[in-house]
C-alpha atoms as a PDB file:
ATOM      1  CA  MET A   1       0.000   0.000   0.000  1.00  0.00           C
ATOM      2  CA  THR A   2       1.328   3.375  -0.925  1.00  0.00           C
ATOM      3  CA  VAL A   3      -0.821   5.550   1.336  1.00  0.00           C
ATOM      4  CA  PRO A   4      -1.177   5.402   5.103  1.00  0.00           C
ATOM      5  CA  THR A   5      -3.668   2.671   5.930  1.00  0.00           C
ATOM      6  CA  LEU A   6      -5.272   1.768   9.254  1.00  0.00           C
ATOM      7  CA  ILE A   7      -6.789  -1.711   9.577  1.00  0.00           C
ATOM      8  CA  LEU A   8      -8.842  -2.500  12.683  1.00  0.00           C
ATOM      9  CA  VAL A   9      -9.889  -6.146  13.022  1.00  0.00           C
ATOM     10  CA  ARG A  10     -11.353  -8.502  15.582  1.00  0.00           C
ATOM     11  CA  GLU A  11      -9.514 -11.511  16.950  1.00  0.00           C
ATOM     12  CA  LEU A  12     -12.641 -13.702  17.176  1.00  0.00           C
ATOM     13  CA  ASP A  13     -14.300 -12.581  13.930  1.00  0.00           C
ATOM     14  CA  ASP A  14     -15.547 -15.663  12.099  1.00  0.00           C
ATOM     15  CA  TRP A  15     -16.984 -13.651   9.184  1.00  0.00           C
ATOM     16  CA  THR A  16     -13.922 -11.663   8.103  1.00  0.00           C
ATOM     17  CA  PRO A  17     -11.009 -13.391   9.854  1.00  0.00           C
ATOM     18  CA  ALA A  18      -8.160 -11.348  11.311  1.00  0.00           C
ATOM     19  CA  ASN A  19      -5.660 -13.849   9.914  1.00  0.00           C
ATOM     20  CA  ASP A  20      -6.502 -12.775   6.366  1.00  0.00           C
ATOM     21  CA  CYS A  21      -5.589  -9.171   7.193  1.00  0.00           C
ATOM     22  CA  MET A  22      -2.471 -10.278   9.043  1.00  0.00           C
ATOM     23  CA  ASP A  23      -1.395 -12.303   5.981  1.00  0.00           C
ATOM     24  CA  MET A  24      -2.073  -9.337   3.680  1.00  0.00           C
ATOM     25  CA  VAL A  25       0.018  -7.000   5.818  1.00  0.00           C
ATOM     26  CA  ALA A  26       2.792  -9.612   5.876  1.00  0.00           C
ATOM     27  CA  GLY A  27       2.681  -9.790   2.065  1.00  0.00           C
ATOM     28  CA  LYS A  28       1.352 -13.333   1.931  1.00  0.00           C
ATOM     29  CA  SER A  29      -1.090 -14.355  -0.767  1.00  0.00           C
ATOM     30  CA  VAL A  30      -4.314 -15.811   0.588  1.00  0.00           C
ATOM     31  CA  ILE A  31      -6.540 -15.235  -2.428  1.00  0.00           C
ATOM     32  CA  GLY A  32      -4.310 -16.456  -5.221  1.00  0.00           C
ATOM     33  CA  MET A  33      -2.918 -13.015  -6.050  1.00  0.00           C
ATOM     34  CA  SER A  34       0.792 -12.476  -5.963  1.00  0.00           C
ATOM     35  CA  ARG A  35       1.880  -9.648  -3.723  1.00  0.00           C
ATOM     36  CA  GLN A  36       5.089  -7.804  -4.322  1.00  0.00           C
ATOM     37  CA  PRO A  37       7.506  -7.744  -1.404  1.00  0.00           C
ATOM     38  CA  GLY A  38       8.265  -4.312  -0.120  1.00  0.00           C
ATOM     39  CA  ASP A  39       7.872  -1.683   2.527  1.00  0.00           C
ATOM     40  CA  ARG A  40       4.627  -1.951   4.439  1.00  0.00           C
ATOM     41  CA  SER A  41       5.427   0.788   6.952  1.00  0.00           C
ATOM     42  CA  ASN A  42       2.360   2.739   5.749  1.00  0.00           C
ATOM     43  CA  VAL A  43       0.082   0.011   7.133  1.00  0.00           C
ATOM     44  CA  LYS A  44      -0.969  -0.135  10.761  1.00  0.00           C
ATOM     45  CA  LEU A  45      -2.875  -3.270  11.748  1.00  0.00           C
ATOM     46  CA  ILE A  46      -4.574  -3.552  15.120  1.00  0.00           C
ATOM     47  CA  VAL A  47      -6.235  -6.797  16.224  1.00  0.00           C
ATOM     48  CA  TYR A  48      -8.666  -6.409  19.122  1.00  0.00           C
ATOM     49  CA  PRO A  49      -8.432  -9.431  21.442  1.00  0.00           C
ATOM     50  CA  GLY A  50     -11.733 -11.038  22.374  1.00  0.00           C
ATOM     51  CA  ALA A  51     -13.680  -8.916  19.886  1.00  0.00           C
ATOM     52  CA  ARG A  52     -16.098 -10.308  17.305  1.00  0.00           C
ATOM     53  CA  HIS A  53     -17.674  -9.000  14.112  1.00  0.00           C
ATOM     54  CA  GLY A  54     -19.957  -6.060  14.926  1.00  0.00           C
ATOM     55  CA  PHE A  55     -17.915  -5.095  17.986  1.00  0.00           C
ATOM     56  CA  ASP A  56     -18.811  -1.422  17.421  1.00  0.00           C
ATOM     57  CA  ILE A  57     -22.583  -1.870  17.076  1.00  0.00           C
ATOM     58  CA  ALA A  58     -23.811  -0.590  20.433  1.00  0.00           C
ATOM     59  CA  ASP A  59     -27.312  -2.052  19.959  1.00  0.00           C
ATOM     60  CA  LEU A  60     -25.780  -5.534  20.151  1.00  0.00           C
ATOM     61  CA  GLY A  61     -24.859  -4.705  23.733  1.00  0.00           C
ATOM     62  CA  ILE A  62     -28.452  -5.251  24.844  1.00  0.00           C
ATOM     63  CA  VAL A  63     -28.206  -8.934  23.861  1.00  0.00           C
ATOM     64  CA  PRO A  64     -25.943 -10.829  26.294  1.00  0.00           C
ATOM     65  CA  GLY A  65     -23.388 -12.780  24.267  1.00  0.00           C
ATOM     66  CA  GLY A  66     -24.421 -11.136  21.002  1.00  0.00           C
ATOM     67  CA  VAL A  67     -26.376 -12.654  18.122  1.00  0.00           C
ATOM     68  CA  THR A  68     -25.832 -15.114  15.299  1.00  0.00           C
ATOM     69  CA  VAL A  69     -26.444 -13.893  11.744  1.00  0.00           C
ATOM     70  CA  GLU A  70     -26.065 -16.248   8.780  1.00  0.00           C
ATOM     71  CA  GLY A  71     -24.054 -18.567  11.012  1.00  0.00           C
ATOM     72  CA  HIS A  72     -21.653 -15.858  12.233  1.00  0.00           C
ATOM     73  CA  ARG A  73     -21.409 -14.458  15.740  1.00  0.00           C
ATOM     74  CA  LEU A  74     -21.756 -10.690  16.248  1.00  0.00           C
ATOM     75  CA  GLU A  75     -21.159  -9.093  19.633  1.00  0.00           C
ATOM     76  CA  TYR A  76     -20.639  -5.574  20.969  1.00  0.00           C
ATOM     77  CA  ASN A  77     -17.333  -4.950  22.760  1.00  0.00           C
ATOM     78  CA  GLU A  78     -17.086  -1.646  24.590  1.00  0.00           C
ATOM     79  CA  ALA A  79     -13.313  -1.760  25.114  1.00  0.00           C
ATOM     80  CA  ALA A  80     -12.602  -2.562  21.459  1.00  0.00           C
ATOM     81  CA  THR A  81     -15.013   0.155  20.321  1.00  0.00           C
ATOM     82  CA  ALA A  82     -13.312   2.768  22.512  1.00  0.00           C
ATOM     83  CA  GLY A  83      -9.884   1.617  21.362  1.00  0.00           C
ATOM     84  CA  ALA A  84     -10.878   1.712  17.701  1.00  0.00           C
ATOM     85  CA  ALA A  85     -12.388   5.195  18.041  1.00  0.00           C
ATOM     86  CA  ALA A  86      -9.182   6.474  19.633  1.00  0.00           C
ATOM     87  CA  GLN A  87      -7.077   4.860  16.883  1.00  0.00           C
ATOM     88  CA  VAL A  88      -9.202   6.421  14.129  1.00  0.00           C
ATOM     89  CA  ARG A  89      -9.007   9.866  15.763  1.00  0.00           C
ATOM     90  CA  ALA A  90      -5.216   9.602  16.088  1.00  0.00           C
ATOM     91  CA  PHE A  91      -4.859   8.300  12.522  1.00  0.00           C
ATOM     92  CA  VAL A  92      -6.933  11.142  11.042  1.00  0.00           C
ATOM     93  CA  ASP A  93      -5.227  13.763  13.217  1.00  0.00           C
ATOM     94  CA  ASN A  94      -1.841  12.497  12.045  1.00  0.00           C
ATOM     95  CA  ALA A  95      -2.932  12.417   8.392  1.00  0.00           C
ATOM     96  CA  MET A  96      -4.198  15.999   8.590  1.00  0.00           C
ATOM     97  CA  LYS A  97      -0.784  17.239   9.775  1.00  0.00           C
ATOM     98  CA  ASP A  98       0.851  16.275   6.486  1.00  0.00           C
END
């Protein structure tokens, strides 16, 4: 990636697995595309431990343990949501300085 990129993913996401993003950032091919080796210092990947798909959907917080949609677990996670919001604010603030 040639522009600053922030990727926020969930450790327990069974819909869009964190491992796929981790492989992409590491330059590994997981979808049959070849990736060129090179500098990936523009990419910041954060994996939120214990978080699932939909971690930032506050309405899911009223359902203990979350919900299952199309066979995938979705669950609100207050700590991950707060962490992600802080990361996005810092990322945008930093990008606006340039």
